[in-house]
Every structure is written in C-alpha cells, then in structure tokens.
N, C-alpha and C. Protein backbone atom coordinates (compact mmCIF):
# COMPACT_ATOMS: atom_id res chain seq x y z
N MET A 1 96.45 107.66 82.24
CA MET A 1 96.07 106.27 82.04
C MET A 1 94.56 106.15 82.31
N ASP A 2 93.91 105.36 81.49
CA ASP A 2 92.48 105.15 81.62
C ASP A 2 92.24 104.00 82.60
N ILE A 3 91.95 104.35 83.84
CA ILE A 3 91.79 103.36 84.90
C ILE A 3 90.56 102.49 84.66
N GLU A 4 89.49 103.08 84.21
CA GLU A 4 88.26 102.31 83.98
C GLU A 4 88.47 101.27 82.89
N ALA A 5 89.24 101.60 81.87
CA ALA A 5 89.52 100.63 80.80
C ALA A 5 90.38 99.49 81.34
N ALA A 6 91.31 99.82 82.24
CA ALA A 6 92.17 98.79 82.82
C ALA A 6 91.41 97.88 83.78
N LEU A 7 90.33 98.39 84.36
CA LEU A 7 89.54 97.60 85.30
C LEU A 7 88.30 96.97 84.67
N LYS A 8 88.17 97.06 83.35
CA LYS A 8 86.93 96.61 82.71
C LYS A 8 86.71 95.10 82.80
N ASP A 9 87.76 94.31 82.78
CA ASP A 9 87.59 92.87 82.94
C ASP A 9 88.76 92.32 83.77
N ASN A 10 88.59 91.11 84.27
CA ASN A 10 89.59 90.54 85.19
C ASN A 10 90.95 90.35 84.53
N ARG A 11 90.98 89.92 83.29
CA ARG A 11 92.27 89.70 82.61
C ARG A 11 93.06 90.99 82.51
N THR A 12 92.41 92.07 82.10
CA THR A 12 93.08 93.35 81.95
C THR A 12 93.51 93.91 83.30
N SER A 13 92.65 93.82 84.29
CA SER A 13 93.01 94.37 85.61
C SER A 13 94.14 93.56 86.24
N GLN A 14 94.14 92.25 86.07
CA GLN A 14 95.23 91.46 86.62
C GLN A 14 96.54 91.74 85.90
N ALA A 15 96.47 92.03 84.61
CA ALA A 15 97.69 92.39 83.87
C ALA A 15 98.22 93.74 84.31
N ALA A 16 97.34 94.67 84.64
CA ALA A 16 97.76 96.03 85.01
C ALA A 16 98.17 96.14 86.47
N ILE A 17 97.37 95.55 87.38
CA ILE A 17 97.63 95.77 88.81
C ILE A 17 97.75 94.48 89.62
N GLY A 18 97.52 93.34 88.99
CA GLY A 18 97.66 92.07 89.69
C GLY A 18 96.46 91.67 90.53
N LEU A 19 95.37 92.41 90.44
CA LEU A 19 94.16 92.12 91.20
C LEU A 19 92.94 92.14 90.29
N THR A 20 91.92 91.40 90.66
CA THR A 20 90.65 91.51 89.95
C THR A 20 89.97 92.81 90.38
N LYS A 21 88.97 93.22 89.61
CA LYS A 21 88.25 94.44 89.94
C LYS A 21 87.57 94.32 91.29
N GLU A 22 87.04 93.14 91.61
CA GLU A 22 86.34 92.93 92.88
C GLU A 22 87.29 93.09 94.07
N VAL A 23 88.48 92.52 93.96
CA VAL A 23 89.46 92.65 95.04
C VAL A 23 89.91 94.10 95.17
N PHE A 24 90.11 94.76 94.03
CA PHE A 24 90.49 96.17 94.02
C PHE A 24 89.43 97.01 94.76
N GLU A 25 88.15 96.76 94.41
CA GLU A 25 87.06 97.52 95.04
C GLU A 25 86.96 97.23 96.54
N SER A 26 87.27 96.00 96.96
CA SER A 26 87.19 95.68 98.39
C SER A 26 88.36 96.29 99.17
N LEU A 27 89.50 96.49 98.50
CA LEU A 27 90.66 97.11 99.14
C LEU A 27 90.52 98.63 99.24
N LEU A 28 89.76 99.22 98.35
CA LEU A 28 89.64 100.68 98.27
C LEU A 28 89.20 101.35 99.57
N PRO A 29 88.15 100.88 100.28
CA PRO A 29 87.76 101.57 101.53
C PRO A 29 88.86 101.54 102.59
N MET A 30 89.58 100.44 102.69
CA MET A 30 90.67 100.37 103.67
C MET A 30 91.81 101.30 103.30
N PHE A 31 92.09 101.40 102.00
CA PHE A 31 93.13 102.31 101.52
C PHE A 31 92.73 103.75 101.78
N GLU A 32 91.46 104.09 101.52
CA GLU A 32 90.97 105.45 101.76
C GLU A 32 91.12 105.86 103.21
N SER A 33 90.81 104.93 104.12
CA SER A 33 90.92 105.27 105.54
C SER A 33 92.37 105.38 105.99
N SER A 34 93.29 104.81 105.23
CA SER A 34 94.71 104.87 105.59
C SER A 34 95.44 106.06 104.99
N LEU A 35 94.81 106.73 104.03
CA LEU A 35 95.46 107.89 103.41
C LEU A 35 95.57 109.02 104.41
N PRO A 36 96.69 109.74 104.40
CA PRO A 36 96.78 110.91 105.28
C PRO A 36 95.76 111.96 104.86
N MET A 37 95.19 112.61 105.85
CA MET A 37 94.20 113.65 105.57
C MET A 37 94.88 114.85 104.93
N GLN A 38 94.30 115.34 103.84
CA GLN A 38 94.83 116.52 103.17
C GLN A 38 93.86 117.67 103.42
N SER A 39 94.42 118.80 103.75
CA SER A 39 93.55 119.95 104.02
C SER A 39 92.94 120.45 102.72
N VAL A 40 91.75 121.02 102.82
CA VAL A 40 91.06 121.57 101.66
C VAL A 40 91.86 122.72 101.08
N GLU A 41 92.52 123.48 101.97
CA GLU A 41 93.31 124.63 101.52
C GLU A 41 94.40 124.17 100.57
N LYS A 42 95.08 123.08 100.89
CA LYS A 42 96.17 122.60 100.06
C LYS A 42 95.66 122.15 98.69
N GLN A 43 94.47 121.59 98.65
CA GLN A 43 93.92 121.09 97.40
C GLN A 43 93.46 122.22 96.47
N THR A 44 93.14 123.37 97.00
CA THR A 44 92.58 124.44 96.18
C THR A 44 93.57 125.57 95.91
N ARG A 45 94.81 125.44 96.34
CA ARG A 45 95.74 126.55 96.12
C ARG A 45 96.23 126.57 94.67
N ALA A 46 96.93 127.65 94.32
CA ALA A 46 97.40 127.82 92.95
C ALA A 46 98.48 126.78 92.62
N GLY A 47 98.67 126.58 91.33
CA GLY A 47 99.68 125.63 90.86
C GLY A 47 99.03 124.58 89.98
N HIS A 48 99.83 123.60 89.62
CA HIS A 48 99.32 122.52 88.78
C HIS A 48 98.31 121.69 89.56
N PRO A 49 97.23 121.30 88.91
CA PRO A 49 96.24 120.46 89.61
C PRO A 49 96.83 119.06 89.84
N TYR A 50 96.34 118.40 90.86
CA TYR A 50 96.79 117.05 91.15
C TYR A 50 96.39 116.12 90.02
N LYS A 51 97.29 115.24 89.63
CA LYS A 51 96.99 114.27 88.58
C LYS A 51 96.16 113.12 89.13
N LEU A 52 96.40 112.76 90.38
CA LEU A 52 95.66 111.67 91.02
C LEU A 52 94.63 112.31 91.94
N ARG A 53 93.46 112.61 91.41
CA ARG A 53 92.46 113.36 92.16
C ARG A 53 91.68 112.50 93.15
N THR A 54 91.36 111.27 92.77
CA THR A 54 90.52 110.45 93.64
C THR A 54 91.35 109.38 94.33
N ASP A 55 90.81 108.86 95.42
CA ASP A 55 91.49 107.77 96.14
C ASP A 55 91.58 106.52 95.27
N ARG A 56 90.61 106.35 94.41
CA ARG A 56 90.61 105.22 93.47
C ARG A 56 91.82 105.31 92.53
N GLU A 57 92.09 106.51 92.02
CA GLU A 57 93.24 106.71 91.14
C GLU A 57 94.55 106.50 91.90
N LYS A 58 94.59 106.92 93.15
CA LYS A 58 95.80 106.76 93.96
C LYS A 58 96.08 105.29 94.23
N LEU A 59 95.05 104.51 94.56
CA LEU A 59 95.24 103.08 94.80
C LEU A 59 95.68 102.38 93.52
N PHE A 60 95.05 102.71 92.40
CA PHE A 60 95.44 102.12 91.13
C PHE A 60 96.90 102.45 90.82
N PHE A 61 97.29 103.69 91.04
CA PHE A 61 98.65 104.15 90.79
C PHE A 61 99.67 103.30 91.56
N ILE A 62 99.46 103.11 92.85
CA ILE A 62 100.45 102.39 93.65
C ILE A 62 100.43 100.90 93.32
N LEU A 63 99.26 100.33 93.04
CA LEU A 63 99.22 98.92 92.66
C LEU A 63 99.86 98.70 91.29
N TYR A 64 99.66 99.64 90.38
CA TYR A 64 100.30 99.56 89.07
C TYR A 64 101.82 99.59 89.22
N TYR A 65 102.30 100.48 90.08
CA TYR A 65 103.74 100.57 90.31
C TYR A 65 104.28 99.26 90.88
N LEU A 66 103.62 98.71 91.89
CA LEU A 66 104.10 97.49 92.53
C LEU A 66 104.03 96.28 91.61
N LYS A 67 103.08 96.25 90.71
CA LYS A 67 102.95 95.10 89.79
C LYS A 67 103.99 95.16 88.69
N ASN A 68 104.25 96.36 88.15
CA ASN A 68 105.08 96.49 86.96
C ASN A 68 106.48 97.05 87.20
N TYR A 69 106.69 97.74 88.31
CA TYR A 69 107.95 98.38 88.66
C TYR A 69 108.56 99.18 87.51
N PRO A 70 107.81 100.11 86.93
CA PRO A 70 108.42 100.96 85.90
C PRO A 70 109.36 101.97 86.57
N THR A 71 110.23 102.57 85.79
CA THR A 71 111.05 103.65 86.34
C THR A 71 110.13 104.83 86.64
N TYR A 72 110.62 105.77 87.44
CA TYR A 72 109.79 106.93 87.77
C TYR A 72 109.53 107.78 86.53
N ASP A 73 110.47 107.77 85.59
CA ASP A 73 110.25 108.49 84.33
C ASP A 73 109.06 107.90 83.58
N VAL A 74 109.04 106.58 83.44
CA VAL A 74 107.95 105.91 82.73
C VAL A 74 106.64 106.06 83.50
N LEU A 75 106.69 105.91 84.81
CA LEU A 75 105.49 106.06 85.63
C LEU A 75 104.91 107.46 85.48
N GLY A 76 105.79 108.46 85.45
CA GLY A 76 105.35 109.83 85.25
C GLY A 76 104.68 110.04 83.91
N VAL A 77 105.25 109.45 82.87
CA VAL A 77 104.66 109.57 81.53
C VAL A 77 103.29 108.90 81.50
N GLU A 78 103.19 107.72 82.10
CA GLU A 78 101.92 106.96 82.05
C GLU A 78 100.80 107.66 82.83
N PHE A 79 101.17 108.38 83.90
CA PHE A 79 100.14 109.03 84.72
C PHE A 79 100.15 110.55 84.59
N GLY A 80 100.93 111.08 83.64
CA GLY A 80 100.90 112.51 83.34
C GLY A 80 101.48 113.38 84.43
N MET A 81 102.61 112.99 85.00
CA MET A 81 103.25 113.79 86.04
C MET A 81 104.76 113.75 85.87
N HIS A 82 105.46 114.62 86.53
CA HIS A 82 106.92 114.63 86.49
C HIS A 82 107.46 113.47 87.30
N ARG A 83 108.65 112.99 86.95
CA ARG A 83 109.24 111.84 87.65
C ARG A 83 109.43 112.10 89.14
N SER A 84 109.71 113.34 89.51
CA SER A 84 109.88 113.63 90.94
C SER A 84 108.55 113.50 91.68
N ASN A 85 107.46 113.89 91.03
CA ASN A 85 106.14 113.71 91.64
C ASN A 85 105.77 112.24 91.71
N ALA A 86 106.14 111.48 90.69
CA ALA A 86 105.88 110.03 90.71
C ALA A 86 106.60 109.40 91.90
N PHE A 87 107.85 109.81 92.13
CA PHE A 87 108.63 109.30 93.26
C PHE A 87 107.96 109.64 94.59
N ARG A 88 107.55 110.91 94.75
CA ARG A 88 106.89 111.33 95.99
C ARG A 88 105.58 110.59 96.21
N ASN A 89 104.81 110.43 95.14
CA ASN A 89 103.52 109.74 95.25
C ASN A 89 103.70 108.27 95.61
N VAL A 90 104.69 107.61 95.03
CA VAL A 90 104.94 106.20 95.37
C VAL A 90 105.23 106.08 96.85
N ASN A 91 106.10 106.92 97.37
CA ASN A 91 106.46 106.84 98.79
C ASN A 91 105.28 107.16 99.70
N LYS A 92 104.44 108.10 99.29
CA LYS A 92 103.29 108.48 100.10
C LYS A 92 102.23 107.37 100.10
N TYR A 93 101.94 106.84 98.93
CA TYR A 93 100.84 105.88 98.83
C TYR A 93 101.25 104.46 99.23
N ILE A 94 102.52 104.16 99.19
CA ILE A 94 102.94 102.82 99.64
C ILE A 94 102.77 102.71 101.15
N ALA A 95 102.98 103.80 101.86
CA ALA A 95 102.77 103.80 103.31
C ALA A 95 101.29 103.58 103.62
N ALA A 96 100.41 104.21 102.85
CA ALA A 96 98.97 104.04 103.06
C ALA A 96 98.54 102.61 102.73
N LEU A 97 99.11 102.04 101.67
CA LEU A 97 98.77 100.67 101.30
C LEU A 97 99.23 99.68 102.37
N LYS A 98 100.42 99.89 102.89
CA LYS A 98 100.91 99.01 103.98
C LYS A 98 99.99 99.11 105.19
N SER A 99 99.58 100.30 105.51
CA SER A 99 98.68 100.49 106.64
C SER A 99 97.34 99.80 106.40
N ALA A 100 96.82 99.91 105.17
CA ALA A 100 95.55 99.27 104.84
C ALA A 100 95.66 97.75 104.91
N LEU A 101 96.75 97.20 104.39
CA LEU A 101 96.94 95.75 104.42
C LEU A 101 97.17 95.25 105.85
N SER A 102 97.83 96.05 106.65
CA SER A 102 98.03 95.67 108.05
C SER A 102 96.71 95.65 108.81
N SER A 103 95.85 96.61 108.51
CA SER A 103 94.57 96.69 109.23
C SER A 103 93.68 95.49 108.94
N CYS A 104 93.81 94.90 107.76
CA CYS A 104 93.00 93.71 107.45
C CYS A 104 93.83 92.42 107.56
N LYS A 105 95.00 92.54 108.20
CA LYS A 105 95.88 91.39 108.46
C LYS A 105 96.22 90.63 107.17
N ALA A 106 96.58 91.38 106.13
CA ALA A 106 96.92 90.77 104.84
C ALA A 106 98.35 91.07 104.41
N MET A 107 99.17 91.53 105.35
CA MET A 107 100.57 91.80 105.02
C MET A 107 101.32 90.50 104.82
N PRO A 108 102.31 90.49 103.91
CA PRO A 108 103.12 89.28 103.73
C PRO A 108 103.92 88.97 105.00
N SER A 109 104.30 87.72 105.16
CA SER A 109 105.08 87.31 106.32
C SER A 109 106.47 87.93 106.27
N THR A 110 106.99 88.27 107.45
CA THR A 110 108.32 88.87 107.52
C THR A 110 109.35 87.93 108.12
N SER A 111 108.91 86.74 108.56
CA SER A 111 109.85 85.77 109.11
C SER A 111 109.38 84.36 108.77
N ILE A 112 110.28 83.42 108.87
CA ILE A 112 109.96 82.02 108.59
C ILE A 112 108.93 81.50 109.59
N ASP A 113 109.08 81.87 110.87
CA ASP A 113 108.13 81.41 111.89
C ASP A 113 106.71 81.90 111.58
N GLU A 114 106.60 83.15 111.18
CA GLU A 114 105.30 83.72 110.84
C GLU A 114 104.71 83.01 109.61
N LEU A 115 105.56 82.73 108.63
CA LEU A 115 105.11 82.01 107.44
C LEU A 115 104.66 80.59 107.78
N ASN A 116 105.39 79.93 108.65
CA ASN A 116 105.02 78.57 109.06
C ASN A 116 103.66 78.55 109.76
N LYS A 117 103.37 79.57 110.55
CA LYS A 117 102.06 79.65 111.22
C LYS A 117 100.94 79.79 110.19
N LYS A 118 101.18 80.62 109.16
CA LYS A 118 100.17 80.83 108.13
C LYS A 118 99.96 79.58 107.28
N LEU A 119 101.01 78.79 107.11
CA LEU A 119 100.94 77.62 106.25
C LEU A 119 100.75 76.32 107.02
N LYS A 120 100.29 76.42 108.25
CA LYS A 120 100.16 75.26 109.12
C LYS A 120 99.31 74.16 108.49
N ASN A 121 98.23 74.48 107.84
CA ASN A 121 97.32 73.48 107.27
C ASN A 121 97.58 73.18 105.80
N VAL A 122 98.65 73.73 105.23
CA VAL A 122 98.98 73.49 103.83
C VAL A 122 99.85 72.23 103.75
N HIS A 123 99.45 71.31 102.87
CA HIS A 123 100.17 70.04 102.78
C HIS A 123 101.19 70.01 101.65
N LEU A 124 101.03 70.82 100.62
CA LEU A 124 101.92 70.79 99.47
C LEU A 124 102.20 72.20 99.01
N ILE A 125 103.47 72.52 98.81
CA ILE A 125 103.89 73.81 98.27
C ILE A 125 104.77 73.51 97.06
N ILE A 126 104.46 74.14 95.95
CA ILE A 126 105.25 73.96 94.73
C ILE A 126 105.99 75.26 94.46
N VAL A 127 107.30 75.18 94.33
CA VAL A 127 108.14 76.34 94.05
C VAL A 127 108.73 76.17 92.67
N ASP A 128 108.54 77.16 91.83
CA ASP A 128 109.12 77.13 90.49
C ASP A 128 110.51 77.74 90.58
N GLY A 129 111.51 76.90 90.64
CA GLY A 129 112.89 77.37 90.76
C GLY A 129 113.76 76.86 89.64
N THR A 130 113.20 76.66 88.47
CA THR A 130 113.96 76.05 87.37
C THR A 130 115.01 76.96 86.78
N GLU A 131 114.82 78.25 86.83
CA GLU A 131 115.76 79.17 86.20
C GLU A 131 116.46 80.06 87.22
N GLN A 132 116.79 79.52 88.37
CA GLN A 132 117.48 80.30 89.39
C GLN A 132 118.96 80.41 89.06
N PRO A 133 119.55 81.60 89.17
CA PRO A 133 120.98 81.74 88.91
C PRO A 133 121.79 81.01 89.97
N ARG A 134 122.92 80.52 89.58
CA ARG A 134 123.77 79.76 90.49
C ARG A 134 125.20 80.25 90.33
N ASN A 135 125.83 80.65 91.44
CA ASN A 135 127.24 81.03 91.41
C ASN A 135 128.06 79.75 91.39
N ARG A 136 128.87 79.63 90.35
CA ARG A 136 129.67 78.42 90.22
C ARG A 136 131.12 78.73 90.59
N PRO A 137 131.84 77.72 91.06
CA PRO A 137 133.25 77.92 91.39
C PRO A 137 134.07 78.22 90.14
N LYS A 138 135.20 78.87 90.30
CA LYS A 138 136.08 79.20 89.17
C LYS A 138 136.84 77.97 88.68
N ASP A 139 137.15 77.06 89.59
CA ASP A 139 137.90 75.86 89.23
C ASP A 139 137.07 74.97 88.30
N ARG A 140 137.64 74.59 87.15
CA ARG A 140 136.92 73.83 86.13
C ARG A 140 136.42 72.48 86.64
N GLU A 141 137.19 71.81 87.45
CA GLU A 141 136.78 70.50 87.98
C GLU A 141 135.61 70.64 88.95
N LYS A 142 135.65 71.67 89.78
CA LYS A 142 134.55 71.89 90.73
C LYS A 142 133.29 72.38 90.02
N GLN A 143 133.45 73.03 88.85
CA GLN A 143 132.30 73.51 88.09
C GLN A 143 131.45 72.36 87.57
N LYS A 144 132.07 71.24 87.25
CA LYS A 144 131.35 70.10 86.68
C LYS A 144 130.22 69.64 87.58
N LYS A 145 130.40 69.78 88.89
CA LYS A 145 129.38 69.38 89.85
C LYS A 145 128.08 70.18 89.67
N TYR A 146 128.21 71.43 89.23
CA TYR A 146 127.06 72.32 89.10
C TYR A 146 126.56 72.45 87.65
N TYR A 147 127.10 71.68 86.72
CA TYR A 147 126.70 71.77 85.33
C TYR A 147 125.25 71.33 85.18
N SER A 148 124.44 72.14 84.51
CA SER A 148 123.01 71.89 84.41
C SER A 148 122.65 70.83 83.38
N GLY A 149 123.56 70.52 82.48
CA GLY A 149 123.26 69.55 81.42
C GLY A 149 122.78 70.21 80.15
N LYS A 150 122.59 71.51 80.16
CA LYS A 150 122.17 72.23 78.95
C LYS A 150 123.36 72.37 78.03
N LYS A 151 123.09 72.27 76.75
CA LYS A 151 124.17 72.45 75.77
C LYS A 151 124.45 73.92 75.60
N ASN A 152 125.71 74.24 75.40
CA ASN A 152 126.13 75.61 75.21
C ASN A 152 126.80 75.69 73.85
N ALA A 153 126.28 76.50 72.94
CA ALA A 153 126.79 76.59 71.58
C ALA A 153 128.16 77.23 71.52
N THR A 154 128.58 77.94 72.58
CA THR A 154 129.87 78.62 72.53
C THR A 154 131.01 77.73 72.98
N GLN A 155 130.73 76.55 73.49
CA GLN A 155 131.82 75.68 73.95
C GLN A 155 132.30 74.77 72.85
C-alpha cells in the first residue's frame, strides 16, 4: 500500500485511517517510543524481509486495520504479507498503540463514571440511533408496541 498517497490530503487520510496527516504525525513519536525494541541481529538475519520496515508504516498499518477492520487475508494482500503475519503484526502493534494513547491520556473511557468526568462541561450530546436493531417479542399483540411504522412490502 502506498502510505504517502493515502496521507497526501486530509480527505484521503481520514478515509484510510480516520486521522488527518497532522494528527498522524503527532501520534508517531509516541507510537515509536511504545514499540518494543527489536535487536539489530533479528532485523538482519536470513529470511523474508520485513514488509513494515519503518515505524511510520507500522502505525499506518494498525490505524488502517482499526478504521476498516478487514480480514487478515485482505490485510495481508493490501500490505504484501501472509495472513498469519498480518495477525501477529496487529496484535503486536495494537499493544504499542494502546501504550502510546495511554501515555498521552487519550484512551477511550472504560466506565460510565470515567466518561461522565470527561463530559462534565458538555451540555449537549447527540446520538444517532435511528437504525438500531430491536429484539421484538414473538407474540403478535406485543409486537405492535415495537412497530416502527415503516411499511413492509412482504406483509
């Protein structure tokens, strides 16, 4: 995948990884410091060369995965690696990304109390819940209570 082409403008980068190029660049140093150290010996030994050579490519890879959630087969095809390597790389780099986000206190909330603290000064929250699935009762009379009002051509 051509990372530079994907990062060339904000629209393209947001479509590929969900971040602007500026935010991506500001996250990169924290991600680099969170990556596990790899020995030089491991990088120069025989075998297939690493597909993700730079930390920039590794960050793009994990952000691309989190934004699009392709299967490991598709991810492998897009980044030129086997699906098993795509799986290993996702697990390795997601830990580094979590560590980087934790270090800059940008991790998502894990509880309602924590979310309430973050949203203390927010006065309005809009939730788009128009197409949420709803489990309806089997009984026809009880189902009427949950009828959305949409016409169904099969009835």
